[in-house]
All heavy atoms as atom14 arrays in JSON, in Angstrom:
{
  "sequence": "GSLLIIGSAAGIVAMSKIEALTFGTYLRFIVALLLAYTLGYI",
  "atom14_mask": [
    [1, 1, 1, 1, 0, 0, 0, 0, 0, 0, 0, 0, 0, 0],
    [1, 1, 1, 1, 1, 1, 0, 0, 0, 0, 0, 0, 0, 0],
    [1, 1, 1, 1, 1, 1, 1, 1, 0, 0, 0, 0, 0, 0],
    [1, 1, 1, 1, 1, 1, 1, 1, 0, 0, 0, 0, 0, 0],
    [1, 1, 1, 1, 1, 1, 1, 1, 0, 0, 0, 0, 0, 0],
    [1, 1, 1, 1, 1, 1, 1, 1, 0, 0, 0, 0, 0, 0],
    [1, 1, 1, 1, 0, 0, 0, 0, 0, 0, 0, 0, 0, 0],
    [1, 1, 1, 1, 1, 1, 0, 0, 0, 0, 0, 0, 0, 0],
    [1, 1, 1, 1, 1, 0, 0, 0, 0, 0, 0, 0, 0, 0],
    [1, 1, 1, 1, 1, 0, 0, 0, 0, 0, 0, 0, 0, 0],
    [1, 1, 1, 1, 0, 0, 0, 0, 0, 0, 0, 0, 0, 0],
    [1, 1, 1, 1, 1, 1, 1, 1, 0, 0, 0, 0, 0, 0],
    [1, 1, 1, 1, 1, 1, 1, 0, 0, 0, 0, 0, 0, 0],
    [1, 1, 1, 1, 1, 0, 0, 0, 0, 0, 0, 0, 0, 0],
    [1, 1, 1, 1, 1, 1, 1, 1, 0, 0, 0, 0, 0, 0],
    [1, 1, 1, 1, 1, 1, 0, 0, 0, 0, 0, 0, 0, 0],
    [1, 1, 1, 1, 1, 1, 1, 1, 1, 0, 0, 0, 0, 0],
    [1, 1, 1, 1, 1, 1, 1, 1, 0, 0, 0, 0, 0, 0],
    [1, 1, 1, 1, 1, 1, 1, 1, 1, 0, 0, 0, 0, 0],
    [1, 1, 1, 1, 1, 0, 0, 0, 0, 0, 0, 0, 0, 0],
    [1, 1, 1, 1, 1, 1, 1, 1, 0, 0, 0, 0, 0, 0],
    [1, 1, 1, 1, 1, 1, 1, 0, 0, 0, 0, 0, 0, 0],
    [1, 1, 1, 1, 1, 1, 1, 1, 1, 1, 1, 0, 0, 0],
    [1, 1, 1, 1, 0, 0, 0, 0, 0, 0, 0, 0, 0, 0],
    [1, 1, 1, 1, 1, 1, 1, 0, 0, 0, 0, 0, 0, 0],
    [1, 1, 1, 1, 1, 1, 1, 1, 1, 1, 1, 1, 0, 0],
    [1, 1, 1, 1, 1, 1, 1, 1, 0, 0, 0, 0, 0, 0],
    [1, 1, 1, 1, 1, 1, 1, 1, 1, 1, 1, 0, 0, 0],
    [1, 1, 1, 1, 1, 1, 1, 1, 1, 1, 1, 0, 0, 0],
    [1, 1, 1, 1, 1, 1, 1, 1, 0, 0, 0, 0, 0, 0],
    [1, 1, 1, 1, 1, 1, 1, 0, 0, 0, 0, 0, 0, 0],
    [1, 1, 1, 1, 1, 0, 0, 0, 0, 0, 0, 0, 0, 0],
    [1, 1, 1, 1, 1, 1, 1, 1, 0, 0, 0, 0, 0, 0],
    [1, 1, 1, 1, 1, 1, 1, 1, 0, 0, 0, 0, 0, 0],
    [1, 1, 1, 1, 1, 1, 1, 1, 0, 0, 0, 0, 0, 0],
    [1, 1, 1, 1, 1, 0, 0, 0, 0, 0, 0, 0, 0, 0],
    [1, 1, 1, 1, 1, 1, 1, 1, 1, 1, 1, 1, 0, 0],
    [1, 1, 1, 1, 1, 1, 1, 0, 0, 0, 0, 0, 0, 0],
    [1, 1, 1, 1, 1, 1, 1, 1, 0, 0, 0, 0, 0, 0],
    [1, 1, 1, 1, 0, 0, 0, 0, 0, 0, 0, 0, 0, 0],
    [1, 1, 1, 1, 1, 1, 1, 1, 1, 1, 1, 1, 0, 0],
    [1, 1, 1, 1, 1, 1, 1, 1, 0, 0, 0, 0, 0, 0]
  ],
  "atom14_positions": [
    [[-122.4, 26.17, 188.09], [-123.36, 25.1, 187.8], [-124.53, 25.57, 186.96], [-125.24, 24.75, 186.36], [0.0, 0.0, 0.0], [0.0, 0.0, 0.0], [0.0, 0.0, 0.0], [0.0, 0.0, 0.0], [0.0, 0.0, 0.0], [0.0, 0.0, 0.0], [0.0, 0.0, 0.0], [0.0, 0.0, 0.0], [0.0, 0.0, 0.0], [0.0, 0.0, 0.0]],
    [[-124.73, 26.89, 186.88], [-125.84, 27.44, 186.08], [-125.6, 27.32, 184.59], [-126.53, 27.5, 183.79], [-126.05, 28.92, 186.43], [-126.17, 29.11, 187.81], [0.0, 0.0, 0.0], [0.0, 0.0, 0.0], [0.0, 0.0, 0.0], [0.0, 0.0, 0.0], [0.0, 0.0, 0.0], [0.0, 0.0, 0.0], [0.0, 0.0, 0.0], [0.0, 0.0, 0.0]],
    [[-124.37, 27.05, 184.18], [-124.04, 27.03, 182.75], [-124.73, 25.89, 182.02], [-125.0, 25.99, 180.82], [-122.53, 26.95, 182.56], [-121.74, 28.14, 183.13], [-120.25, 27.93, 182.98], [-122.16, 29.44, 182.45], [0.0, 0.0, 0.0], [0.0, 0.0, 0.0], [0.0, 0.0, 0.0], [0.0, 0.0, 0.0], [0.0, 0.0, 0.0], [0.0, 0.0, 0.0]],
    [[-124.99, 24.8, 182.72], [-125.73, 23.67, 182.15], [-126.93, 23.39, 183.05], [-126.85, 23.55, 184.27], [-124.86, 22.42, 182.03], [-123.65, 22.49, 181.09], [-122.85, 21.2, 181.14], [-124.08, 22.8, 179.66], [0.0, 0.0, 0.0], [0.0, 0.0, 0.0], [0.0, 0.0, 0.0], [0.0, 0.0, 0.0], [0.0, 0.0, 0.0], [0.0, 0.0, 0.0]],
    [[-128.01, 22.94, 182.46], [-129.24, 22.72, 183.23], [-129.06, 21.62, 184.28], [-129.73, 21.62, 185.31], [-130.42, 22.38, 182.29], [-131.76, 22.45, 183.04], [-130.22, 21.03, 181.64], [-132.12, 23.8, 183.53], [0.0, 0.0, 0.0], [0.0, 0.0, 0.0], [0.0, 0.0, 0.0], [0.0, 0.0, 0.0], [0.0, 0.0, 0.0], [0.0, 0.0, 0.0]],
    [[-128.14, 20.7, 184.03], [-127.91, 19.59, 184.97], [-126.83, 19.93, 185.98], [-126.46, 19.1, 186.81], [-127.53, 18.3, 184.22], [-126.22, 18.51, 183.43], [-128.65, 17.83, 183.32], [-125.64, 17.25, 182.84], [0.0, 0.0, 0.0], [0.0, 0.0, 0.0], [0.0, 0.0, 0.0], [0.0, 0.0, 0.0], [0.0, 0.0, 0.0], [0.0, 0.0, 0.0]],
    [[-126.3, 21.16, 185.94], [-125.18, 21.5, 186.78], [-125.51, 21.96, 188.18], [-124.61, 22.2, 188.97], [0.0, 0.0, 0.0], [0.0, 0.0, 0.0], [0.0, 0.0, 0.0], [0.0, 0.0, 0.0], [0.0, 0.0, 0.0], [0.0, 0.0, 0.0], [0.0, 0.0, 0.0], [0.0, 0.0, 0.0], [0.0, 0.0, 0.0], [0.0, 0.0, 0.0]],
    [[-126.78, 22.11, 188.49], [-127.17, 22.58, 189.82], [-128.53, 22.03, 190.21], [-129.32, 21.63, 189.35], [-127.22, 24.12, 189.85], [-128.26, 24.6, 189.02], [0.0, 0.0, 0.0], [0.0, 0.0, 0.0], [0.0, 0.0, 0.0], [0.0, 0.0, 0.0], [0.0, 0.0, 0.0], [0.0, 0.0, 0.0], [0.0, 0.0, 0.0], [0.0, 0.0, 0.0]],
    [[-128.79, 22.03, 191.5], [-130.1, 21.58, 191.99], [-131.2, 22.48, 191.44], [-132.29, 22.0, 191.11], [-130.1, 21.6, 193.52], [0.0, 0.0, 0.0], [0.0, 0.0, 0.0], [0.0, 0.0, 0.0], [0.0, 0.0, 0.0], [0.0, 0.0, 0.0], [0.0, 0.0, 0.0], [0.0, 0.0, 0.0], [0.0, 0.0, 0.0], [0.0, 0.0, 0.0]],
    [[-130.91, 23.78, 191.32], [-131.9, 24.71, 190.79], [-132.29, 24.32, 189.36], [-133.47, 24.35, 188.99], [-131.35, 26.14, 190.82], [0.0, 0.0, 0.0], [0.0, 0.0, 0.0], [0.0, 0.0, 0.0], [0.0, 0.0, 0.0], [0.0, 0.0, 0.0], [0.0, 0.0, 0.0], [0.0, 0.0, 0.0], [0.0, 0.0, 0.0], [0.0, 0.0, 0.0]],
    [[-131.29, 23.97, 188.56], [-131.56, 23.58, 187.18], [-132.39, 22.31, 187.07], [-133.31, 22.22, 186.26], [0.0, 0.0, 0.0], [0.0, 0.0, 0.0], [0.0, 0.0, 0.0], [0.0, 0.0, 0.0], [0.0, 0.0, 0.0], [0.0, 0.0, 0.0], [0.0, 0.0, 0.0], [0.0, 0.0, 0.0], [0.0, 0.0, 0.0], [0.0, 0.0, 0.0]],
    [[-132.06, 21.35, 187.89], [-132.77, 20.07, 187.85], [-134.22, 20.25, 188.3], [-135.15, 19.69, 187.7], [-132.05, 19.04, 188.74], [-130.67, 18.71, 188.14], [-132.87, 17.75, 188.86], [-129.78, 17.89, 189.03], [0.0, 0.0, 0.0], [0.0, 0.0, 0.0], [0.0, 0.0, 0.0], [0.0, 0.0, 0.0], [0.0, 0.0, 0.0], [0.0, 0.0, 0.0]],
    [[-134.43, 21.05, 189.35], [-135.8, 21.32, 189.82], [-136.59, 22.05, 188.74], [-137.75, 21.71, 188.46], [-135.77, 22.13, 191.12], [-137.17, 22.63, 191.48], [-135.21, 21.29, 192.27], [0.0, 0.0, 0.0], [0.0, 0.0, 0.0], [0.0, 0.0, 0.0], [0.0, 0.0, 0.0], [0.0, 0.0, 0.0], [0.0, 0.0, 0.0], [0.0, 0.0, 0.0]],
    [[-135.98, 23.05, 188.1], [-136.66, 23.8, 187.04], [-137.0, 22.89, 185.87], [-138.09, 22.99, 185.29], [-135.78, 24.96, 186.57], [0.0, 0.0, 0.0], [0.0, 0.0, 0.0], [0.0, 0.0, 0.0], [0.0, 0.0, 0.0], [0.0, 0.0, 0.0], [0.0, 0.0, 0.0], [0.0, 0.0, 0.0], [0.0, 0.0, 0.0], [0.0, 0.0, 0.0]],
    [[-136.09, 21.99, 185.52], [-136.31, 21.07, 184.4], [-137.47, 20.13, 184.71], [-138.24, 19.75, 183.81], [-135.03, 20.27, 184.14], [-135.06, 19.41, 182.88], [-133.41, 18.84, 182.37], [-132.76, 18.15, 183.88], [0.0, 0.0, 0.0], [0.0, 0.0, 0.0], [0.0, 0.0, 0.0], [0.0, 0.0, 0.0], [0.0, 0.0, 0.0], [0.0, 0.0, 0.0]],
    [[-137.63, 19.76, 185.95], [-138.72, 18.85, 186.33], [-140.07, 19.55, 186.29], [-141.11, 18.9, 186.13], [-138.48, 18.28, 187.73], [-138.67, 19.27, 188.71], [0.0, 0.0, 0.0], [0.0, 0.0, 0.0], [0.0, 0.0, 0.0], [0.0, 0.0, 0.0], [0.0, 0.0, 0.0], [0.0, 0.0, 0.0], [0.0, 0.0, 0.0], [0.0, 0.0, 0.0]],
    [[-140.07, 20.88, 186.43], [-141.32, 21.63, 186.48], [-141.79, 22.09, 185.09], [-142.98, 22.27, 184.86], [-141.15, 22.86, 187.38], [-141.05, 22.55, 188.86], [-142.4, 22.1, 189.38], [-142.37, 21.9, 190.89], [-143.69, 21.47, 191.39], [0.0, 0.0, 0.0], [0.0, 0.0, 0.0], [0.0, 0.0, 0.0], [0.0, 0.0, 0.0], [0.0, 0.0, 0.0]],
    [[-140.84, 22.33, 184.18], [-141.17, 22.84, 182.84], [-140.75, 21.79, 181.83], [-139.55, 21.57, 181.6], [-140.46, 24.18, 182.57], [-140.86, 25.22, 183.62], [-140.81, 24.69, 181.16], [-140.13, 26.52, 183.51], [0.0, 0.0, 0.0], [0.0, 0.0, 0.0], [0.0, 0.0, 0.0], [0.0, 0.0, 0.0], [0.0, 0.0, 0.0], [0.0, 0.0, 0.0]],
    [[-141.71, 21.14, 181.21], [-141.43, 20.02, 180.31], [-140.55, 20.44, 179.14], [-139.69, 19.67, 178.7], [-142.75, 19.44, 179.79], [-142.58, 18.17, 178.97], [-143.91, 17.56, 178.56], [-144.96, 18.0, 179.1], [-143.91, 16.67, 177.72], [0.0, 0.0, 0.0], [0.0, 0.0, 0.0], [0.0, 0.0, 0.0], [0.0, 0.0, 0.0], [0.0, 0.0, 0.0]],
    [[-140.74, 21.63, 178.63], [-139.98, 22.09, 177.46], [-138.55, 22.48, 177.81], [-137.72, 22.67, 176.91], [-140.69, 23.27, 176.8], [0.0, 0.0, 0.0], [0.0, 0.0, 0.0], [0.0, 0.0, 0.0], [0.0, 0.0, 0.0], [0.0, 0.0, 0.0], [0.0, 0.0, 0.0], [0.0, 0.0, 0.0], [0.0, 0.0, 0.0], [0.0, 0.0, 0.0]],
    [[-138.25, 22.61, 179.08], [-136.9, 22.97, 179.51], [-136.05, 21.71, 179.6], [-136.15, 20.93, 180.54], [-136.95, 23.68, 180.87], [-135.62, 24.21, 181.4], [-135.05, 25.28, 180.48], [-135.79, 24.78, 182.81], [0.0, 0.0, 0.0], [0.0, 0.0, 0.0], [0.0, 0.0, 0.0], [0.0, 0.0, 0.0], [0.0, 0.0, 0.0], [0.0, 0.0, 0.0]],
    [[-135.22, 21.5, 178.6], [-134.37, 20.31, 178.52], [-132.91, 20.74, 178.42], [-132.6, 21.94, 178.35], [-134.73, 19.46, 177.3], [-134.46, 20.22, 176.1], [-136.2, 19.06, 177.32], [0.0, 0.0, 0.0], [0.0, 0.0, 0.0], [0.0, 0.0, 0.0], [0.0, 0.0, 0.0], [0.0, 0.0, 0.0], [0.0, 0.0, 0.0], [0.0, 0.0, 0.0]],
    [[-132.03, 19.76, 178.39], [-130.6, 20.06, 178.25], [-130.36, 20.88, 176.98], [-129.62, 21.86, 176.99], [-129.81, 18.76, 178.2], [-128.32, 18.96, 178.17], [-127.59, 19.01, 179.35], [-127.64, 19.11, 176.97], [-126.21, 19.21, 179.32], [-126.26, 19.3, 176.93], [-125.55, 19.36, 178.11], [0.0, 0.0, 0.0], [0.0, 0.0, 0.0], [0.0, 0.0, 0.0]],
    [[-131.01, 20.47, 175.9], [-130.82, 21.13, 174.61], [-131.39, 22.53, 174.56], [-130.73, 23.46, 174.07], [0.0, 0.0, 0.0], [0.0, 0.0, 0.0], [0.0, 0.0, 0.0], [0.0, 0.0, 0.0], [0.0, 0.0, 0.0], [0.0, 0.0, 0.0], [0.0, 0.0, 0.0], [0.0, 0.0, 0.0], [0.0, 0.0, 0.0], [0.0, 0.0, 0.0]],
    [[-132.61, 22.73, 175.06], [-133.22, 24.06, 174.99], [-132.49, 25.05, 175.91], [-132.36, 26.24, 175.58], [-134.7, 24.0, 175.39], [-134.84, 23.4, 176.69], [-135.5, 23.18, 174.39], [0.0, 0.0, 0.0], [0.0, 0.0, 0.0], [0.0, 0.0, 0.0], [0.0, 0.0, 0.0], [0.0, 0.0, 0.0], [0.0, 0.0, 0.0], [0.0, 0.0, 0.0]],
    [[-131.98, 24.58, 177.03], [-131.22, 25.44, 177.93], [-129.87, 25.8, 177.32], [-129.36, 26.91, 177.51], [-131.03, 24.74, 179.27], [-130.45, 25.59, 180.37], [-131.28, 26.39, 181.16], [-129.09, 25.6, 180.64], [-130.75, 27.17, 182.2], [-128.55, 26.37, 181.66], [-129.38, 27.15, 182.43], [-128.86, 27.92, 183.44], [0.0, 0.0, 0.0], [0.0, 0.0, 0.0]],
    [[-129.29, 24.86, 176.56], [-127.98, 25.06, 175.97], [-127.98, 26.2, 174.94], [-126.93, 26.76, 174.63], [-127.5, 23.76, 175.32], [-126.01, 23.64, 174.98], [-125.17, 23.72, 176.25], [-125.73, 22.33, 174.25], [0.0, 0.0, 0.0], [0.0, 0.0, 0.0], [0.0, 0.0, 0.0], [0.0, 0.0, 0.0], [0.0, 0.0, 0.0], [0.0, 0.0, 0.0]],
    [[-129.15, 26.53, 174.43], [-129.24, 27.63, 173.46], [-128.76, 28.95, 174.06], [-128.34, 29.86, 173.34], [-130.7, 27.79, 173.0], [-131.27, 26.6, 172.25], [-132.74, 26.83, 172.0], [-133.4, 25.62, 171.48], [-134.71, 25.5, 171.34], [-135.51, 26.51, 171.67], [-135.23, 24.38, 170.87], [0.0, 0.0, 0.0], [0.0, 0.0, 0.0], [0.0, 0.0, 0.0]],
    [[-128.82, 29.07, 175.36], [-128.46, 30.33, 176.02], [-127.05, 30.29, 176.62], [-126.71, 31.13, 177.45], [-129.48, 30.64, 177.12], [-130.91, 30.66, 176.65], [-131.77, 29.62, 176.98], [-131.39, 31.69, 175.88], [-133.1, 29.63, 176.55], [-132.71, 31.71, 175.44], [-133.56, 30.67, 175.77], [0.0, 0.0, 0.0], [0.0, 0.0, 0.0], [0.0, 0.0, 0.0]],
    [[-126.23, 29.32, 176.2], [-124.93, 29.11, 176.81], [-124.02, 30.32, 176.68], [-123.26, 30.66, 177.58], [-124.24, 27.84, 176.23], [-122.92, 27.55, 176.94], [-124.04, 27.98, 174.74], [-123.05, 27.26, 178.42], [0.0, 0.0, 0.0], [0.0, 0.0, 0.0], [0.0, 0.0, 0.0], [0.0, 0.0, 0.0], [0.0, 0.0, 0.0], [0.0, 0.0, 0.0]],
    [[-124.07, 31.01, 175.52], [-123.21, 32.17, 175.32], [-123.57, 33.28, 176.31], [-122.69, 33.88, 176.96], [-123.31, 32.69, 173.87], [-122.5, 33.98, 173.71], [-122.8, 31.64, 172.9], [0.0, 0.0, 0.0], [0.0, 0.0, 0.0], [0.0, 0.0, 0.0], [0.0, 0.0, 0.0], [0.0, 0.0, 0.0], [0.0, 0.0, 0.0], [0.0, 0.0, 0.0]],
    [[-124.85, 33.56, 176.44], [-125.3, 34.59, 177.38], [-124.95, 34.21, 178.82], [-124.49, 35.04, 179.61], [-126.81, 34.8, 177.24], [0.0, 0.0, 0.0], [0.0, 0.0, 0.0], [0.0, 0.0, 0.0], [0.0, 0.0, 0.0], [0.0, 0.0, 0.0], [0.0, 0.0, 0.0], [0.0, 0.0, 0.0], [0.0, 0.0, 0.0], [0.0, 0.0, 0.0]],
    [[-125.14, 32.94, 179.16], [-124.82, 32.46, 180.5], [-123.32, 32.58, 180.79], [-122.91, 33.0, 181.88], [-125.27, 31.0, 180.66], [-126.78, 30.77, 180.73], [-127.11, 29.3, 180.45], [-127.32, 31.18, 182.09], [0.0, 0.0, 0.0], [0.0, 0.0, 0.0], [0.0, 0.0, 0.0], [0.0, 0.0, 0.0], [0.0, 0.0, 0.0], [0.0, 0.0, 0.0]],
    [[-122.51, 32.23, 179.8], [-121.06, 32.28, 179.97], [-120.58, 33.72, 180.12], [-119.69, 34.01, 180.94], [-120.38, 31.61, 178.78], [-118.87, 31.34, 178.89], [-118.58, 30.48, 180.12], [-118.35, 30.67, 177.64], [0.0, 0.0, 0.0], [0.0, 0.0, 0.0], [0.0, 0.0, 0.0], [0.0, 0.0, 0.0], [0.0, 0.0, 0.0], [0.0, 0.0, 0.0]],
    [[-121.17, 34.63, 179.36], [-120.81, 36.05, 179.48], [-121.16, 36.58, 180.87], [-120.35, 37.28, 181.5], [-121.55, 36.86, 178.41], [-121.0, 36.79, 176.98], [-121.94, 37.52, 176.03], [-119.6, 37.4, 176.91], [0.0, 0.0, 0.0], [0.0, 0.0, 0.0], [0.0, 0.0, 0.0], [0.0, 0.0, 0.0], [0.0, 0.0, 0.0], [0.0, 0.0, 0.0]],
    [[-122.35, 36.26, 181.36], [-122.77, 36.73, 182.68], [-121.88, 36.14, 183.77], [-121.45, 36.85, 184.69], [-124.23, 36.36, 182.92], [0.0, 0.0, 0.0], [0.0, 0.0, 0.0], [0.0, 0.0, 0.0], [0.0, 0.0, 0.0], [0.0, 0.0, 0.0], [0.0, 0.0, 0.0], [0.0, 0.0, 0.0], [0.0, 0.0, 0.0], [0.0, 0.0, 0.0]],
    [[-121.6, 34.84, 183.68], [-120.73, 34.17, 184.66], [-119.35, 34.81, 184.67], [-118.78, 35.08, 185.74], [-120.64, 32.68, 184.32], [-119.52, 31.95, 185.01], [-119.59, 31.63, 186.37], [-118.37, 31.57, 184.31], [-118.56, 30.96, 187.0], [-117.34, 30.89, 184.94], [-117.43, 30.59, 186.29], [-116.41, 29.92, 186.92], [0.0, 0.0, 0.0], [0.0, 0.0, 0.0]],
    [[-118.81, 35.09, 183.49], [-117.47, 35.66, 183.38], [-117.42, 37.08, 183.93], [-116.47, 37.44, 184.64], [-117.0, 35.65, 181.91], [-117.05, 34.31, 181.41], [-115.58, 36.18, 181.79], [0.0, 0.0, 0.0], [0.0, 0.0, 0.0], [0.0, 0.0, 0.0], [0.0, 0.0, 0.0], [0.0, 0.0, 0.0], [0.0, 0.0, 0.0], [0.0, 0.0, 0.0]],
    [[-118.43, 37.89, 183.63], [-118.46, 39.25, 184.16], [-118.49, 39.22, 185.69], [-117.75, 39.96, 186.36], [-119.69, 39.99, 183.65], [-119.95, 41.36, 184.3], [-118.9, 42.36, 183.84], [-121.34, 41.88, 184.0], [0.0, 0.0, 0.0], [0.0, 0.0, 0.0], [0.0, 0.0, 0.0], [0.0, 0.0, 0.0], [0.0, 0.0, 0.0], [0.0, 0.0, 0.0]],
    [[-119.34, 38.37, 186.25], [-119.41, 38.26, 187.7], [-118.09, 37.82, 188.3], [-117.66, 38.33, 189.35], [0.0, 0.0, 0.0], [0.0, 0.0, 0.0], [0.0, 0.0, 0.0], [0.0, 0.0, 0.0], [0.0, 0.0, 0.0], [0.0, 0.0, 0.0], [0.0, 0.0, 0.0], [0.0, 0.0, 0.0], [0.0, 0.0, 0.0], [0.0, 0.0, 0.0]],
    [[-117.42, 36.88, 187.62], [-116.15, 36.37, 188.12], [-115.09, 37.47, 188.13], [-114.35, 37.61, 189.12], [-115.68, 35.2, 187.25], [-114.45, 34.51, 187.8], [-114.55, 33.58, 188.83], [-113.19, 34.8, 187.29], [-113.42, 32.97, 189.35], [-112.05, 34.19, 187.8], [-112.17, 33.27, 188.83], [-111.05, 32.67, 189.34], [0.0, 0.0, 0.0], [0.0, 0.0, 0.0]],
    [[-115.02, 38.25, 187.05], [-114.05, 39.35, 186.99], [-114.33, 40.37, 188.08], [-113.42, 40.88, 188.74], [-114.1, 40.01, 185.6], [-113.59, 39.03, 184.52], [-113.26, 41.29, 185.57], [-113.78, 39.52, 183.11], [0.0, 0.0, 0.0], [0.0, 0.0, 0.0], [0.0, 0.0, 0.0], [0.0, 0.0, 0.0], [0.0, 0.0, 0.0], [0.0, 0.0, 0.0]]
  ]
}
């Protein structure tokens, strides 16, 4: 659920606290997030 800002309660709470944190600005880090998620999964 961390891969998208709307995918978890943590993301939604963080988005509500930081105005500049939106779906689009969080999506900029999708490659890094996907790499970290995949490493952990392996």
